Amino acid sequence: MQFYLLRLIMLGKDFGFLKKNNLFIFGGCYTMENLGLLTIIVPCYNEEAVLPETVKELGVILQKLISNGEIAATSKLLFVNDGSHDKTWQLITNYEKKYDFVTGIKFSRNFGHQNALLAGMTTAVEYSDMMITIDADLQDDVKAIYEMVAKYNQGYDVLFMGFAANDRQIRFSSANQR
């Protein structure tokens, strides 16, 4: 599959679009006859406590997008276990058995968030038309996924969405801790 990087769209203040997220979508070629296959990549490190809610919320979103004819029925949630010490991997494998839309990758040890994202994207690029990354704690606005898929279906190839105020709050908070 070839990916074409034709447009970079920064969505935020200028468009009044998606003000509470930090999501990434990457897309390739799309035609109405062939619905795009979406993979939502979720890096995980010791996420046992939040994983049940994550699978539930993201599963509902996938099913709605599929039933609305916006994405392929074979779209997936790809969990990348980044060397967790809790029961994260056990939960992922249980969800793989229970749901066709869940799959997972397991690292032998913790390699870091960015490597987990890269492994997920490297795996998903083989079969996906679009990819979205989101953290397992769902701190980002998961409803933004609907808008991102809609933009992809309108022909946008690359979307990057973020909210800088979160970074300022973190920096401010960190500075106060010192």
C-alpha atoms as a PDB file:
ATOM      1  CA  MET A   1       0.000   0.000   0.000  1.00  0.00           C
ATOM      2  CA  GLN A   2       1.343   3.421  -0.935  1.00  0.00           C
ATOM      3  CA  PHE A   3       0.692   6.443   1.233  1.00  0.00           C
ATOM      4  CA  TYR A   4       0.481   9.925  -0.206  1.00  0.00           C
ATOM      5  CA  LEU A   5       1.322  12.884   1.988  1.00  0.00           C
ATOM      6  CA  LEU A   6      -0.420  15.623   0.055  1.00  0.00           C
ATOM      7  CA  ARG A   7      -1.730  17.981   2.703  1.00  0.00           C
ATOM      8  CA  LEU A   8      -0.822  18.820   6.240  1.00  0.00           C
ATOM      9  CA  ILE A   9      -3.764  20.385   8.017  1.00  0.00           C
ATOM     10  CA  MET A  10      -3.242  21.963  11.403  1.00  0.00           C
ATOM     11  CA  LEU A  11      -6.660  21.985  12.984  1.00  0.00           C
ATOM     12  CA  GLY A  12      -7.292  24.100  16.018  1.00  0.00           C
ATOM     13  CA  LYS A  13      -7.792  27.770  16.655  1.00  0.00           C
ATOM     14  CA  ASP A  14      -8.067  28.762  12.991  1.00  0.00           C
ATOM     15  CA  PHE A  15     -10.812  26.234  12.312  1.00  0.00           C
ATOM     16  CA  GLY A  16     -12.452  26.202  15.760  1.00  0.00           C
ATOM     17  CA  PHE A  17     -12.044  22.455  15.570  1.00  0.00           C
ATOM     18  CA  LEU A  18     -11.134  19.925  18.287  1.00  0.00           C
ATOM     19  CA  LYS A  19      -9.880  21.937  21.202  1.00  0.00           C
ATOM     20  CA  LYS A  20      -9.318  19.146  23.758  1.00  0.00           C
ATOM     21  CA  ASN A  21      -7.324  16.420  22.107  1.00  0.00           C
ATOM     22  CA  ASN A  22      -3.881  15.292  21.183  1.00  0.00           C
ATOM     23  CA  LEU A  23      -4.626  12.733  18.496  1.00  0.00           C
ATOM     24  CA  PHE A  24      -2.907  11.844  15.248  1.00  0.00           C
ATOM     25  CA  ILE A  25      -4.412  10.403  12.096  1.00  0.00           C
ATOM     26  CA  PHE A  26      -2.505   9.291   9.046  1.00  0.00           C
ATOM     27  CA  GLY A  27      -4.342   8.278   5.918  1.00  0.00           C
ATOM     28  CA  GLY A  28      -3.748   6.919   2.470  1.00  0.00           C
ATOM     29  CA  CYS A  29      -5.878   6.523  -0.618  1.00  0.00           C
ATOM     30  CA  TYR A  30      -9.632   6.266  -0.233  1.00  0.00           C
ATOM     31  CA  THR A  31     -12.571   5.642  -2.515  1.00  0.00           C
ATOM     32  CA  MET A  32     -16.260   5.443  -1.688  1.00  0.00           C
ATOM     33  CA  GLU A  33     -16.398   1.883  -3.053  1.00  0.00           C
ATOM     34  CA  ASN A  34     -13.763   0.728  -0.583  1.00  0.00           C
ATOM     35  CA  LEU A  35     -14.234   1.997   2.963  1.00  0.00           C
ATOM     36  CA  GLY A  36     -11.016   2.912   4.730  1.00  0.00           C
ATOM     37  CA  LEU A  37      -9.730   0.501   7.345  1.00  0.00           C
ATOM     38  CA  LEU A  38      -9.068   2.357  10.591  1.00  0.00           C
ATOM     39  CA  THR A  39      -6.602   1.175  13.205  1.00  0.00           C
ATOM     40  CA  ILE A  40      -6.652   2.935  16.556  1.00  0.00           C
ATOM     41  CA  ILE A  41      -3.228   2.416  18.126  1.00  0.00           C
ATOM     42  CA  VAL A  42      -3.159   2.434  21.921  1.00  0.00           C
ATOM     43  CA  PRO A  43       0.236   2.286  23.664  1.00  0.00           C
ATOM     44  CA  CYS A  44      -0.062   0.673  27.105  1.00  0.00           C
ATOM     45  CA  TYR A  45       2.190   0.640  30.142  1.00  0.00           C
ATOM     46  CA  ASN A  46       0.633  -0.722  33.344  1.00  0.00           C
ATOM     47  CA  GLU A  47      -2.884   0.140  32.184  1.00  0.00           C
ATOM     48  CA  GLU A  48      -4.724  -2.701  33.929  1.00  0.00           C
ATOM     49  CA  ALA A  49      -6.991  -0.281  35.800  1.00  0.00           C
ATOM     50  CA  VAL A  50      -8.133   1.684  32.739  1.00  0.00           C
ATOM     51  CA  LEU A  51      -8.090  -0.932  29.972  1.00  0.00           C
ATOM     52  CA  PRO A  52     -11.655  -2.231  30.475  1.00  0.00           C
ATOM     53  CA  GLU A  53     -13.093   1.274  30.024  1.00  0.00           C
ATOM     54  CA  THR A  54     -10.739   1.982  27.113  1.00  0.00           C
ATOM     55  CA  VAL A  55     -11.848  -1.126  25.210  1.00  0.00           C
ATOM     56  CA  LYS A  56     -15.489  -0.331  25.941  1.00  0.00           C
ATOM     57  CA  GLU A  57     -15.349   3.314  24.802  1.00  0.00           C
ATOM     58  CA  LEU A  58     -13.172   2.765  21.745  1.00  0.00           C
ATOM     59  CA  GLY A  59     -15.155  -0.356  20.803  1.00  0.00           C
ATOM     60  CA  VAL A  60     -18.389   1.661  20.819  1.00  0.00           C
ATOM     61  CA  ILE A  61     -16.781   4.282  18.590  1.00  0.00           C
ATOM     62  CA  LEU A  62     -15.520   1.657  16.124  1.00  0.00           C
ATOM     63  CA  GLN A  63     -18.920  -0.031  15.969  1.00  0.00           C
ATOM     64  CA  LYS A  64     -20.721   3.283  15.365  1.00  0.00           C
ATOM     65  CA  LEU A  65     -18.315   4.235  12.582  1.00  0.00           C
ATOM     66  CA  ILE A  66     -18.737   0.800  11.002  1.00  0.00           C
ATOM     67  CA  SER A  67     -22.541   0.843  11.271  1.00  0.00           C
ATOM     68  CA  ASN A  68     -22.606   4.371   9.787  1.00  0.00           C
ATOM     69  CA  GLY A  69     -20.612   3.138   6.792  1.00  0.00           C
ATOM     70  CA  GLU A  70     -17.663   5.433   7.543  1.00  0.00           C
ATOM     71  CA  ILE A  71     -14.945   2.792   8.021  1.00  0.00           C
ATOM     72  CA  ALA A  72     -14.327  -0.815   7.017  1.00  0.00           C
ATOM     73  CA  ALA A  73     -15.890  -3.558   9.124  1.00  0.00           C
ATOM     74  CA  THR A  74     -12.403  -5.002   9.686  1.00  0.00           C
ATOM     75  CA  SER A  75     -11.162  -1.882  11.500  1.00  0.00           C
ATOM     76  CA  LYS A  76      -9.166  -2.560  14.663  1.00  0.00           C
ATOM     77  CA  LEU A  77      -7.966  -1.473  18.068  1.00  0.00           C
ATOM     78  CA  LEU A  78      -4.240  -2.260  18.279  1.00  0.00           C
ATOM     79  CA  PHE A  79      -2.891  -2.283  21.832  1.00  0.00           C
ATOM     80  CA  VAL A  80       0.894  -2.122  22.219  1.00  0.00           C
ATOM     81  CA  ASN A  81       1.961  -3.465  25.610  1.00  0.00           C
ATOM     82  CA  ASP A  82       5.179  -1.626  26.439  1.00  0.00           C
ATOM     83  CA  GLY A  83       6.591  -4.046  29.012  1.00  0.00           C
ATOM     84  CA  SER A  84       3.848  -3.670  31.616  1.00  0.00           C
ATOM     85  CA  HIS A  85       4.362  -5.321  35.012  1.00  0.00           C
ATOM     86  CA  ASP A  86       0.651  -5.593  35.836  1.00  0.00           C
ATOM     87  CA  LYS A  87      -2.057  -7.606  34.054  1.00  0.00           C
ATOM     88  CA  THR A  88      -2.244  -5.337  30.997  1.00  0.00           C
ATOM     89  CA  TRP A  89      -1.094  -8.044  28.562  1.00  0.00           C
ATOM     90  CA  GLN A  90      -3.415 -10.642  30.081  1.00  0.00           C
ATOM     91  CA  LEU A  91      -6.346  -8.262  29.575  1.00  0.00           C
ATOM     92  CA  ILE A  92      -5.306  -7.540  25.978  1.00  0.00           C
ATOM     93  CA  THR A  93      -5.135 -11.253  25.133  1.00  0.00           C
ATOM     94  CA  ASN A  94      -8.520 -11.819  26.789  1.00  0.00           C
ATOM     95  CA  TYR A  95     -10.022  -9.006  24.694  1.00  0.00           C
ATOM     96  CA  GLU A  96      -8.414 -10.477  21.555  1.00  0.00           C
ATOM     97  CA  LYS A  97     -10.295 -13.717  22.209  1.00  0.00           C
ATOM     98  CA  LYS A  98     -13.548 -11.921  23.003  1.00  0.00           C
ATOM     99  CA  TYR A  99     -13.605  -9.278  20.240  1.00  0.00           C
ATOM    100  CA  ASP A 100     -12.599  -9.569  16.583  1.00  0.00           C
ATOM    101  CA  PHE A 101     -11.653  -5.897  16.520  1.00  0.00           C
ATOM    102  CA  VAL A 102      -8.944  -6.149  19.230  1.00  0.00           C
ATOM    103  CA  THR A 103      -5.346  -7.139  18.561  1.00  0.00           C
ATOM    104  CA  GLY A 104      -2.111  -6.635  20.449  1.00  0.00           C
ATOM    105  CA  ILE A 105       1.664  -6.416  20.347  1.00  0.00           C
ATOM    106  CA  LYS A 106       3.789  -7.289  23.385  1.00  0.00           C
ATOM    107  CA  PHE A 107       7.235  -5.838  24.108  1.00  0.00           C
ATOM    108  CA  SER A 108       9.631  -7.928  26.206  1.00  0.00           C
ATOM    109  CA  ARG A 109      10.410  -4.863  28.331  1.00  0.00           C
ATOM    110  CA  ASN A 110       9.618  -1.158  28.512  1.00  0.00           C
ATOM    111  CA  PHE A 111      10.979   0.586  25.417  1.00  0.00           C
ATOM    112  CA  GLY A 112       9.075   3.848  25.897  1.00  0.00           C
ATOM    113  CA  HIS A 113       5.935   5.526  24.626  1.00  0.00           C
ATOM    114  CA  GLN A 114       7.378   6.681  21.290  1.00  0.00           C
ATOM    115  CA  ASN A 115       8.678   3.202  20.434  1.00  0.00           C
ATOM    116  CA  ALA A 116       5.300   1.716  21.303  1.00  0.00           C
ATOM    117  CA  LEU A 117       3.642   4.193  18.929  1.00  0.00           C
ATOM    118  CA  LEU A 118       6.201   3.448  16.217  1.00  0.00           C
ATOM    119  CA  ALA A 119       5.723  -0.318  16.582  1.00  0.00           C
ATOM    120  CA  GLY A 120       1.968   0.118  16.353  1.00  0.00           C
ATOM    121  CA  MET A 121       2.194   2.305  13.252  1.00  0.00           C
ATOM    122  CA  THR A 122       4.783   0.043  11.606  1.00  0.00           C
ATOM    123  CA  THR A 123       2.467  -2.920  12.130  1.00  0.00           C
ATOM    124  CA  ALA A 124      -0.751  -1.142  11.174  1.00  0.00           C
ATOM    125  CA  VAL A 125       0.629   0.459   7.997  1.00  0.00           C
ATOM    126  CA  GLU A 126       0.603  -2.998   6.390  1.00  0.00           C
ATOM    127  CA  TYR A 127      -3.188  -3.234   6.468  1.00  0.00           C
ATOM    128  CA  SER A 128      -4.601   0.185   7.408  1.00  0.00           C
ATOM    129  CA  ASP A 129      -5.800   3.106   5.373  1.00  0.00           C
ATOM    130  CA  MET A 130      -5.831   5.389   8.397  1.00  0.00           C
ATOM    131  CA  MET A 131      -4.321   5.310  11.866  1.00  0.00           C
ATOM    132  CA  ILE A 132      -5.161   7.197  15.011  1.00  0.00           C
ATOM    133  CA  THR A 133      -3.057   7.060  18.158  1.00  0.00           C
ATOM    134  CA  ILE A 134      -4.519   7.691  21.569  1.00  0.00           C
ATOM    135  CA  ASP A 135      -3.284   7.000  25.088  1.00  0.00           C
ATOM    136  CA  ALA A 136      -4.937   4.192  27.046  1.00  0.00           C
ATOM    137  CA  ASP A 137      -6.127   6.521  29.797  1.00  0.00           C
ATOM    138  CA  LEU A 138      -8.331   8.314  27.233  1.00  0.00           C
ATOM    139  CA  GLN A 139      -7.233  11.710  28.512  1.00  0.00           C
ATOM    140  CA  ASP A 140      -7.886  12.988  25.010  1.00  0.00           C
ATOM    141  CA  ASP A 141     -11.332  13.660  23.594  1.00  0.00           C
ATOM    142  CA  VAL A 142     -12.308  10.303  22.071  1.00  0.00           C
ATOM    143  CA  LYS A 143     -15.263  11.914  20.297  1.00  0.00           C
ATOM    144  CA  ALA A 144     -12.697  13.695  18.127  1.00  0.00           C
ATOM    145  CA  ILE A 145     -12.202  10.343  16.379  1.00  0.00           C
ATOM    146  CA  TYR A 146     -15.557  10.828  14.613  1.00  0.00           C
ATOM    147  CA  GLU A 147     -14.454  14.212  13.298  1.00  0.00           C
ATOM    148  CA  MET A 148     -11.062  12.898  12.243  1.00  0.00           C
ATOM    149  CA  VAL A 149     -12.597  10.030  10.269  1.00  0.00           C
ATOM    150  CA  ALA A 150     -15.040  12.473   8.662  1.00  0.00           C
ATOM    151  CA  LYS A 151     -12.114  14.674   7.569  1.00  0.00           C
ATOM    152  CA  TYR A 152     -10.298  11.642   6.180  1.00  0.00           C
ATOM    153  CA  ASN A 153     -13.427  10.663   4.246  1.00  0.00           C
ATOM    154  CA  GLN A 154     -13.539  14.217   2.844  1.00  0.00           C
ATOM    155  CA  GLY A 155     -10.114  13.630   1.306  1.00  0.00           C
ATOM    156  CA  TYR A 156      -7.637  14.892   3.889  1.00  0.00           C
ATOM    157  CA  ASP A 157      -4.550  12.714   3.940  1.00  0.00           C
ATOM    158  CA  VAL A 158      -2.744  13.792   7.092  1.00  0.00           C
ATOM    159  CA  LEU A 159      -4.299  15.364  10.148  1.00  0.00           C
ATOM    160  CA  PHE A 160      -2.498  16.343  13.302  1.00  0.00           C
ATOM    161  CA  MET A 161      -4.533  17.660  16.172  1.00  0.00           C
ATOM    162  CA  GLY A 162      -3.349  18.946  19.504  1.00  0.00           C
ATOM    163  CA  PHE A 163      -4.162  21.273  22.333  1.00  0.00           C
ATOM    164  CA  ALA A 164      -1.247  23.397  23.486  1.00  0.00           C
ATOM    165  CA  ALA A 165      -2.951  24.573  26.689  1.00  0.00           C
ATOM    166  CA  ASN A 166      -2.413  21.114  28.171  1.00  0.00           C
ATOM    167  CA  ASP A 167       1.332  21.507  27.690  1.00  0.00           C
ATOM    168  CA  ARG A 168       1.322  24.933  29.333  1.00  0.00           C
ATOM    169  CA  GLN A 169      -0.585  23.577  32.306  1.00  0.00           C
ATOM    170  CA  ILE A 170       1.857  20.706  32.685  1.00  0.00           C
ATOM    171  CA  ARG A 171       4.892  22.989  32.429  1.00  0.00           C
ATOM    172  CA  PHE A 172       3.378  25.413  34.904  1.00  0.00           C
ATOM    173  CA  SER A 173       2.552  22.613  37.300  1.00  0.00           C
ATOM    174  CA  SER A 174       6.006  21.074  36.920  1.00  0.00           C
ATOM    175  CA  ALA A 175       7.675  24.420  37.555  1.00  0.00           C
ATOM    176  CA  ASN A 176       5.749  24.782  40.803  1.00  0.00           C
ATOM    177  CA  GLN A 177       6.928  21.355  41.950  1.00  0.00           C
ATOM    178  CA  ARG A 178      10.609  22.346  41.888  1.00  0.00           C
END
